[in-house]
């Protein structure tokens, strides 16, 4: 598991000062990219090799509202990986009291830029398959 710390920006809120629901998906992506970075996988390297991983399924369960200026923690866990897909689960918490704000899940398929499913090369699969340090 990795944890990313962020602060809710005014632009992420609605007129009530509550975070718009769409921002949770951005936060999931931030945590997913950081997870990959921490295990030694850079998106730029994958893109250079014509490997992308579009979302094929996404879910978010909202439990409490994040508000402007809240410090949040986004936790990401690689729950499942194969040579053709990866599934992450997420938790978003308010930092000062640990309140669970949302839980989520994403599934990505590995494809080339034309959208054809590919098998992930061993050099990336090995890093994803190794238990997180």
N, C-alpha and C. Protein backbone atom coordinates (compact mmCIF):
# COMPACT_ATOMS: atom_id res chain seq x y z
N UNK A 1 0.84 -1.19 0.00
CA UNK A 1 0.00 0.00 0.00
C UNK A 1 0.88 1.24 0.00
N UNK A 2 0.45 2.24 -0.73
CA UNK A 2 1.09 3.54 -0.66
C UNK A 2 0.04 4.55 -0.22
N UNK A 3 0.52 5.66 0.33
CA UNK A 3 -0.37 6.74 0.75
C UNK A 3 0.12 8.05 0.15
N UNK A 4 -0.78 8.76 -0.47
CA UNK A 4 -0.50 10.08 -1.04
C UNK A 4 -1.26 11.10 -0.21
N UNK A 5 -0.58 12.17 0.18
CA UNK A 5 -1.20 13.26 0.94
C UNK A 5 -1.51 14.40 -0.02
N UNK A 6 -2.69 14.98 0.12
CA UNK A 6 -3.08 16.11 -0.72
C UNK A 6 -3.98 17.02 0.11
N UNK A 7 -4.23 18.19 -0.43
CA UNK A 7 -5.11 19.15 0.24
C UNK A 7 -6.21 19.54 -0.74
N UNK A 8 -7.43 19.58 -0.26
CA UNK A 8 -8.57 19.91 -1.11
C UNK A 8 -8.48 21.38 -1.53
N UNK A 9 -8.50 21.60 -2.82
CA UNK A 9 -8.45 22.94 -3.39
C UNK A 9 -9.86 23.48 -3.57
N UNK A 10 -9.98 24.82 -3.56
CA UNK A 10 -11.28 25.45 -3.73
C UNK A 10 -11.93 25.03 -5.05
N UNK A 11 -11.13 24.93 -6.11
CA UNK A 11 -11.65 24.57 -7.44
C UNK A 11 -12.26 23.17 -7.46
N UNK A 12 -11.94 22.34 -6.49
CA UNK A 12 -12.47 20.98 -6.43
C UNK A 12 -13.81 20.89 -5.71
N UNK A 13 -14.31 22.03 -5.23
CA UNK A 13 -15.54 22.03 -4.44
C UNK A 13 -16.71 22.66 -5.20
N UNK A 14 -17.89 22.40 -4.67
CA UNK A 14 -19.09 23.01 -5.23
C UNK A 14 -19.47 24.24 -4.40
N UNK A 15 -20.65 24.79 -4.63
CA UNK A 15 -21.07 25.99 -3.91
C UNK A 15 -21.25 25.77 -2.41
N UNK A 16 -21.35 24.51 -2.00
CA UNK A 16 -21.50 24.21 -0.58
C UNK A 16 -20.14 23.96 0.09
N UNK A 17 -19.06 24.08 -0.70
CA UNK A 17 -17.73 23.85 -0.15
C UNK A 17 -17.39 22.38 -0.03
N UNK A 18 -18.19 21.52 -0.66
CA UNK A 18 -18.00 20.07 -0.61
C UNK A 18 -17.31 19.63 -1.90
N UNK A 19 -16.38 18.69 -1.79
CA UNK A 19 -15.67 18.20 -2.97
C UNK A 19 -16.65 17.57 -3.96
N UNK A 20 -16.52 17.97 -5.23
CA UNK A 20 -17.33 17.37 -6.28
C UNK A 20 -16.91 15.91 -6.44
N UNK A 21 -17.87 15.04 -6.65
CA UNK A 21 -17.62 13.60 -6.68
C UNK A 21 -16.57 13.18 -7.71
N UNK A 22 -16.46 13.90 -8.81
CA UNK A 22 -15.53 13.50 -9.87
C UNK A 22 -14.07 13.58 -9.43
N UNK A 23 -13.77 14.40 -8.44
CA UNK A 23 -12.38 14.55 -7.99
C UNK A 23 -11.81 13.28 -7.35
N UNK A 24 -12.66 12.45 -6.82
CA UNK A 24 -12.16 11.21 -6.22
C UNK A 24 -11.48 10.35 -7.27
N UNK A 25 -11.98 10.35 -8.48
CA UNK A 25 -11.36 9.57 -9.55
C UNK A 25 -9.98 10.13 -9.91
N UNK A 26 -9.83 11.44 -9.86
CA UNK A 26 -8.51 12.05 -10.07
C UNK A 26 -7.56 11.63 -8.96
N UNK A 27 -8.06 11.63 -7.74
CA UNK A 27 -7.22 11.24 -6.61
C UNK A 27 -6.81 9.77 -6.71
N UNK A 28 -7.72 8.91 -7.17
CA UNK A 28 -7.36 7.51 -7.38
C UNK A 28 -6.21 7.43 -8.38
N UNK A 29 -6.31 8.19 -9.46
CA UNK A 29 -5.25 8.17 -10.47
C UNK A 29 -3.92 8.66 -9.91
N UNK A 30 -3.96 9.72 -9.11
CA UNK A 30 -2.73 10.22 -8.49
C UNK A 30 -2.06 9.12 -7.67
N UNK A 31 -2.84 8.40 -6.89
CA UNK A 31 -2.29 7.35 -6.04
C UNK A 31 -1.79 6.17 -6.87
N UNK A 32 -2.52 5.82 -7.91
CA UNK A 32 -2.11 4.71 -8.78
C UNK A 32 -0.78 5.02 -9.47
N UNK A 33 -0.64 6.22 -9.99
CA UNK A 33 0.61 6.63 -10.65
C UNK A 33 1.76 6.65 -9.65
N UNK A 34 1.50 7.12 -8.44
CA UNK A 34 2.55 7.14 -7.42
C UNK A 34 2.94 5.72 -7.01
N UNK A 35 1.98 4.82 -6.92
CA UNK A 35 2.28 3.43 -6.62
C UNK A 35 3.25 2.88 -7.67
N UNK A 36 2.92 3.08 -8.93
CA UNK A 36 3.78 2.59 -10.00
C UNK A 36 5.17 3.21 -9.92
N UNK A 37 5.23 4.51 -9.66
CA UNK A 37 6.51 5.20 -9.54
C UNK A 37 7.35 4.58 -8.42
N UNK A 38 6.72 4.30 -7.30
CA UNK A 38 7.45 3.76 -6.15
C UNK A 38 7.97 2.35 -6.38
N UNK A 39 7.36 1.60 -7.30
CA UNK A 39 7.90 0.26 -7.59
C UNK A 39 8.81 0.27 -8.81
N UNK A 40 9.08 1.49 -9.33
CA UNK A 40 10.04 1.60 -10.42
C UNK A 40 9.47 1.57 -11.81
N UNK A 41 8.18 1.84 -11.95
CA UNK A 41 7.55 1.90 -13.27
C UNK A 41 7.14 3.33 -13.55
N UNK A 42 7.72 3.91 -14.61
CA UNK A 42 7.37 5.27 -15.01
C UNK A 42 6.44 5.23 -16.21
N UNK A 43 5.38 6.02 -16.14
CA UNK A 43 4.43 6.05 -17.25
C UNK A 43 5.10 6.47 -18.55
N UNK A 44 6.04 7.38 -18.48
CA UNK A 44 6.72 7.82 -19.70
C UNK A 44 7.45 6.67 -20.38
N UNK A 45 8.06 5.77 -19.59
CA UNK A 45 8.73 4.61 -20.17
C UNK A 45 7.72 3.69 -20.86
N UNK A 46 6.59 3.48 -20.22
CA UNK A 46 5.57 2.62 -20.83
C UNK A 46 5.03 3.25 -22.11
N UNK A 47 4.78 4.55 -22.07
CA UNK A 47 4.27 5.23 -23.27
C UNK A 47 5.28 5.14 -24.41
N UNK A 48 6.57 5.26 -24.08
CA UNK A 48 7.61 5.13 -25.11
C UNK A 48 7.59 3.75 -25.77
N UNK A 49 7.07 2.76 -25.05
CA UNK A 49 6.99 1.39 -25.59
C UNK A 49 5.59 1.07 -26.11
N UNK A 50 4.76 2.11 -26.29
CA UNK A 50 3.40 1.96 -26.83
C UNK A 50 2.51 1.13 -25.90
N UNK A 51 2.72 1.28 -24.59
CA UNK A 51 1.89 0.57 -23.61
C UNK A 51 1.07 1.62 -22.84
N UNK A 52 -0.23 1.45 -22.87
CA UNK A 52 -1.13 2.28 -22.08
C UNK A 52 -2.04 1.35 -21.28
N UNK A 53 -2.73 1.90 -20.32
CA UNK A 53 -3.61 1.04 -19.52
C UNK A 53 -4.89 1.79 -19.17
N UNK A 54 -5.82 1.84 -20.13
CA UNK A 54 -7.09 2.53 -19.90
C UNK A 54 -7.93 1.84 -18.83
N UNK A 55 -8.72 2.65 -18.17
CA UNK A 55 -9.67 2.16 -17.17
C UNK A 55 -10.78 1.40 -17.90
N UNK A 56 -11.07 0.19 -17.44
CA UNK A 56 -12.18 -0.58 -18.00
C UNK A 56 -13.34 -0.72 -17.02
N UNK A 57 -13.07 -0.39 -15.75
CA UNK A 57 -14.12 -0.44 -14.74
C UNK A 57 -13.69 0.46 -13.59
N UNK A 58 -14.62 1.21 -13.04
CA UNK A 58 -14.30 2.10 -11.92
C UNK A 58 -15.52 2.20 -11.01
N UNK A 59 -15.24 2.28 -9.71
CA UNK A 59 -16.33 2.42 -8.74
C UNK A 59 -15.85 3.26 -7.57
N UNK A 60 -16.78 3.99 -6.97
CA UNK A 60 -16.47 4.78 -5.79
C UNK A 60 -17.69 4.78 -4.88
N UNK A 61 -17.45 4.51 -3.61
CA UNK A 61 -18.51 4.58 -2.60
C UNK A 61 -18.19 5.76 -1.70
N UNK A 62 -19.06 6.74 -1.70
CA UNK A 62 -18.87 7.96 -0.91
C UNK A 62 -19.45 7.74 0.49
N UNK A 63 -18.65 8.04 1.50
CA UNK A 63 -19.07 7.78 2.87
C UNK A 63 -19.25 9.05 3.69
N UNK A 64 -18.43 10.06 3.41
CA UNK A 64 -18.52 11.36 4.10
C UNK A 64 -17.94 12.40 3.14
N UNK A 65 -18.25 13.66 3.39
CA UNK A 65 -17.83 14.72 2.49
C UNK A 65 -16.46 15.27 2.84
N UNK A 66 -15.62 15.37 1.83
CA UNK A 66 -14.38 16.15 1.97
C UNK A 66 -14.75 17.59 1.67
N UNK A 67 -14.07 18.51 2.34
CA UNK A 67 -14.39 19.93 2.17
C UNK A 67 -13.14 20.73 1.89
N UNK A 68 -13.35 21.94 1.41
CA UNK A 68 -12.25 22.84 1.09
C UNK A 68 -11.26 22.92 2.25
N UNK A 69 -10.00 22.81 1.90
CA UNK A 69 -8.86 22.92 2.82
C UNK A 69 -8.61 21.68 3.68
N UNK A 70 -9.45 20.64 3.55
CA UNK A 70 -9.16 19.39 4.26
C UNK A 70 -7.85 18.80 3.72
N UNK A 71 -7.02 18.29 4.60
CA UNK A 71 -5.88 17.47 4.18
C UNK A 71 -6.40 16.04 4.10
N UNK A 72 -6.12 15.40 2.99
CA UNK A 72 -6.62 14.05 2.77
C UNK A 72 -5.46 13.09 2.53
N UNK A 73 -5.72 11.84 2.81
CA UNK A 73 -4.78 10.76 2.53
C UNK A 73 -5.47 9.81 1.56
N UNK A 74 -4.79 9.52 0.46
CA UNK A 74 -5.33 8.59 -0.54
C UNK A 74 -4.47 7.34 -0.49
N UNK A 75 -5.05 6.23 -0.09
CA UNK A 75 -4.33 4.96 -0.01
C UNK A 75 -4.65 4.12 -1.24
N UNK A 76 -3.62 3.52 -1.81
CA UNK A 76 -3.80 2.66 -2.98
C UNK A 76 -3.15 1.31 -2.72
N UNK A 77 -3.87 0.26 -3.07
CA UNK A 77 -3.38 -1.11 -2.93
C UNK A 77 -3.56 -1.80 -4.28
N UNK A 78 -2.51 -2.45 -4.76
CA UNK A 78 -2.64 -3.27 -5.96
C UNK A 78 -3.27 -4.59 -5.51
N UNK A 79 -4.55 -4.77 -5.82
CA UNK A 79 -5.31 -5.91 -5.32
C UNK A 79 -5.14 -7.15 -6.19
N UNK A 80 -4.92 -6.93 -7.51
CA UNK A 80 -4.81 -8.05 -8.44
C UNK A 80 -4.04 -7.59 -9.66
N UNK A 81 -3.20 -8.47 -10.20
CA UNK A 81 -2.47 -8.14 -11.42
C UNK A 81 -2.29 -9.40 -12.25
N UNK A 82 -2.41 -9.25 -13.56
CA UNK A 82 -2.08 -10.30 -14.51
C UNK A 82 -1.36 -9.61 -15.66
N UNK A 83 -1.01 -10.35 -16.67
CA UNK A 83 -0.31 -9.73 -17.80
C UNK A 83 -1.24 -8.90 -18.68
N UNK A 84 -2.55 -8.96 -18.43
CA UNK A 84 -3.48 -8.18 -19.25
C UNK A 84 -4.28 -7.14 -18.47
N UNK A 85 -4.24 -7.18 -17.13
CA UNK A 85 -5.00 -6.18 -16.36
C UNK A 85 -4.42 -6.02 -14.96
N UNK A 86 -4.81 -4.90 -14.33
CA UNK A 86 -4.49 -4.69 -12.92
C UNK A 86 -5.69 -4.04 -12.25
N UNK A 87 -5.87 -4.40 -10.99
CA UNK A 87 -6.98 -3.87 -10.21
C UNK A 87 -6.41 -3.24 -8.94
N UNK A 88 -6.79 -1.98 -8.72
CA UNK A 88 -6.40 -1.27 -7.50
C UNK A 88 -7.63 -1.02 -6.65
N UNK A 89 -7.43 -0.99 -5.34
CA UNK A 89 -8.46 -0.54 -4.42
C UNK A 89 -7.92 0.70 -3.71
N UNK A 90 -8.84 1.55 -3.25
CA UNK A 90 -8.47 2.85 -2.68
C UNK A 90 -9.29 3.15 -1.44
N UNK A 91 -8.68 3.94 -0.58
CA UNK A 91 -9.39 4.55 0.55
C UNK A 91 -8.95 6.01 0.61
N UNK A 92 -9.91 6.90 0.79
CA UNK A 92 -9.62 8.32 0.98
C UNK A 92 -10.06 8.68 2.38
N UNK A 93 -9.12 9.23 3.16
CA UNK A 93 -9.38 9.57 4.56
C UNK A 93 -9.08 11.03 4.82
N UNK A 94 -9.81 11.63 5.74
CA UNK A 94 -9.46 12.97 6.20
C UNK A 94 -8.32 12.80 7.19
N UNK A 95 -7.25 13.54 6.99
CA UNK A 95 -6.04 13.30 7.77
C UNK A 95 -6.20 13.60 9.26
N UNK A 96 -6.82 14.70 9.62
CA UNK A 96 -6.79 15.10 11.04
C UNK A 96 -7.58 14.18 11.97
N UNK A 97 -8.57 13.47 11.46
CA UNK A 97 -9.33 12.59 12.34
C UNK A 97 -9.46 11.16 11.82
N UNK A 98 -8.87 10.89 10.63
CA UNK A 98 -8.90 9.53 10.08
C UNK A 98 -10.25 9.11 9.54
N UNK A 99 -11.19 10.05 9.41
CA UNK A 99 -12.53 9.71 8.91
C UNK A 99 -12.44 9.17 7.49
N UNK A 100 -13.06 8.02 7.26
CA UNK A 100 -13.10 7.43 5.93
C UNK A 100 -14.10 8.21 5.08
N UNK A 101 -13.59 8.82 4.00
CA UNK A 101 -14.42 9.63 3.12
C UNK A 101 -14.97 8.84 1.95
N UNK A 102 -14.15 7.92 1.42
CA UNK A 102 -14.58 7.15 0.25
C UNK A 102 -13.72 5.91 0.10
N UNK A 103 -14.29 4.91 -0.55
CA UNK A 103 -13.54 3.73 -0.97
C UNK A 103 -13.75 3.58 -2.47
N UNK A 104 -12.80 2.96 -3.13
CA UNK A 104 -12.95 2.82 -4.58
C UNK A 104 -12.17 1.66 -5.14
N UNK A 105 -12.37 1.46 -6.43
CA UNK A 105 -11.74 0.36 -7.16
C UNK A 105 -11.61 0.77 -8.61
N UNK A 106 -10.46 0.45 -9.20
CA UNK A 106 -10.30 0.64 -10.64
C UNK A 106 -9.72 -0.62 -11.24
N UNK A 107 -10.11 -0.88 -12.49
CA UNK A 107 -9.52 -1.96 -13.27
C UNK A 107 -8.97 -1.34 -14.54
N UNK A 108 -7.71 -1.67 -14.84
CA UNK A 108 -7.07 -1.20 -16.07
C UNK A 108 -6.70 -2.40 -16.91
N UNK A 109 -6.88 -2.26 -18.21
CA UNK A 109 -6.39 -3.28 -19.16
C UNK A 109 -5.13 -2.73 -19.82
N UNK A 110 -4.19 -3.60 -20.12
CA UNK A 110 -2.99 -3.18 -20.82
C UNK A 110 -3.26 -3.26 -22.32
N UNK A 111 -3.05 -2.14 -23.02
CA UNK A 111 -3.30 -2.09 -24.46
C UNK A 111 -2.18 -1.31 -25.14
N UNK A 112 -2.19 -1.39 -26.47
CA UNK A 112 -1.33 -0.49 -27.23
C UNK A 112 -2.15 0.78 -27.49
N UNK A 113 -1.55 1.75 -28.13
CA UNK A 113 -2.25 3.03 -28.35
C UNK A 113 -3.44 2.92 -29.30
N UNK A 114 -3.53 1.82 -30.03
CA UNK A 114 -4.67 1.59 -30.91
C UNK A 114 -5.81 0.89 -30.16
N UNK A 115 -5.59 0.59 -28.89
CA UNK A 115 -6.64 -0.02 -28.08
C UNK A 115 -6.68 -1.53 -28.11
N UNK A 116 -5.68 -2.16 -28.73
CA UNK A 116 -5.62 -3.63 -28.75
C UNK A 116 -5.02 -4.14 -27.44
N UNK A 117 -5.68 -5.12 -26.84
CA UNK A 117 -5.18 -5.74 -25.62
C UNK A 117 -3.81 -6.35 -25.90
N UNK A 118 -2.87 -6.12 -24.98
CA UNK A 118 -1.53 -6.70 -25.09
C UNK A 118 -1.19 -7.43 -23.81
N UNK A 119 -0.16 -8.23 -23.88
CA UNK A 119 0.38 -8.87 -22.67
C UNK A 119 1.53 -7.99 -22.18
N UNK A 120 1.49 -7.66 -20.92
CA UNK A 120 2.50 -6.79 -20.32
C UNK A 120 3.87 -7.46 -20.39
N UNK A 121 4.89 -6.75 -20.87
CA UNK A 121 6.23 -7.33 -20.90
C UNK A 121 6.71 -7.75 -19.50
N UNK A 122 7.54 -8.79 -19.45
CA UNK A 122 8.02 -9.34 -18.19
C UNK A 122 8.68 -8.31 -17.29
N UNK A 123 9.42 -7.36 -17.85
CA UNK A 123 10.12 -6.39 -17.00
C UNK A 123 9.15 -5.54 -16.17
N UNK A 124 7.96 -5.28 -16.69
CA UNK A 124 6.95 -4.56 -15.91
C UNK A 124 6.15 -5.51 -15.02
N UNK A 125 5.80 -6.65 -15.56
CA UNK A 125 5.01 -7.61 -14.79
C UNK A 125 5.76 -8.06 -13.54
N UNK A 126 7.07 -8.25 -13.66
CA UNK A 126 7.88 -8.67 -12.50
C UNK A 126 7.81 -7.63 -11.39
N UNK A 127 7.88 -6.35 -11.74
CA UNK A 127 7.81 -5.31 -10.71
C UNK A 127 6.42 -5.25 -10.06
N UNK A 128 5.38 -5.44 -10.88
CA UNK A 128 4.02 -5.43 -10.34
C UNK A 128 3.73 -6.66 -9.50
N UNK A 129 4.37 -7.77 -9.82
CA UNK A 129 4.12 -9.03 -9.11
C UNK A 129 4.90 -9.17 -7.81
N UNK A 130 5.94 -8.37 -7.66
CA UNK A 130 6.76 -8.42 -6.45
C UNK A 130 6.02 -7.71 -5.32
N UNK A 131 5.98 -8.34 -4.14
CA UNK A 131 5.31 -7.66 -3.01
C UNK A 131 5.89 -6.28 -2.78
N UNK A 132 5.00 -5.35 -2.44
CA UNK A 132 5.41 -3.95 -2.24
C UNK A 132 6.40 -3.87 -1.10
N UNK A 133 7.48 -3.08 -1.31
CA UNK A 133 8.51 -2.97 -0.24
C UNK A 133 7.99 -2.39 1.05
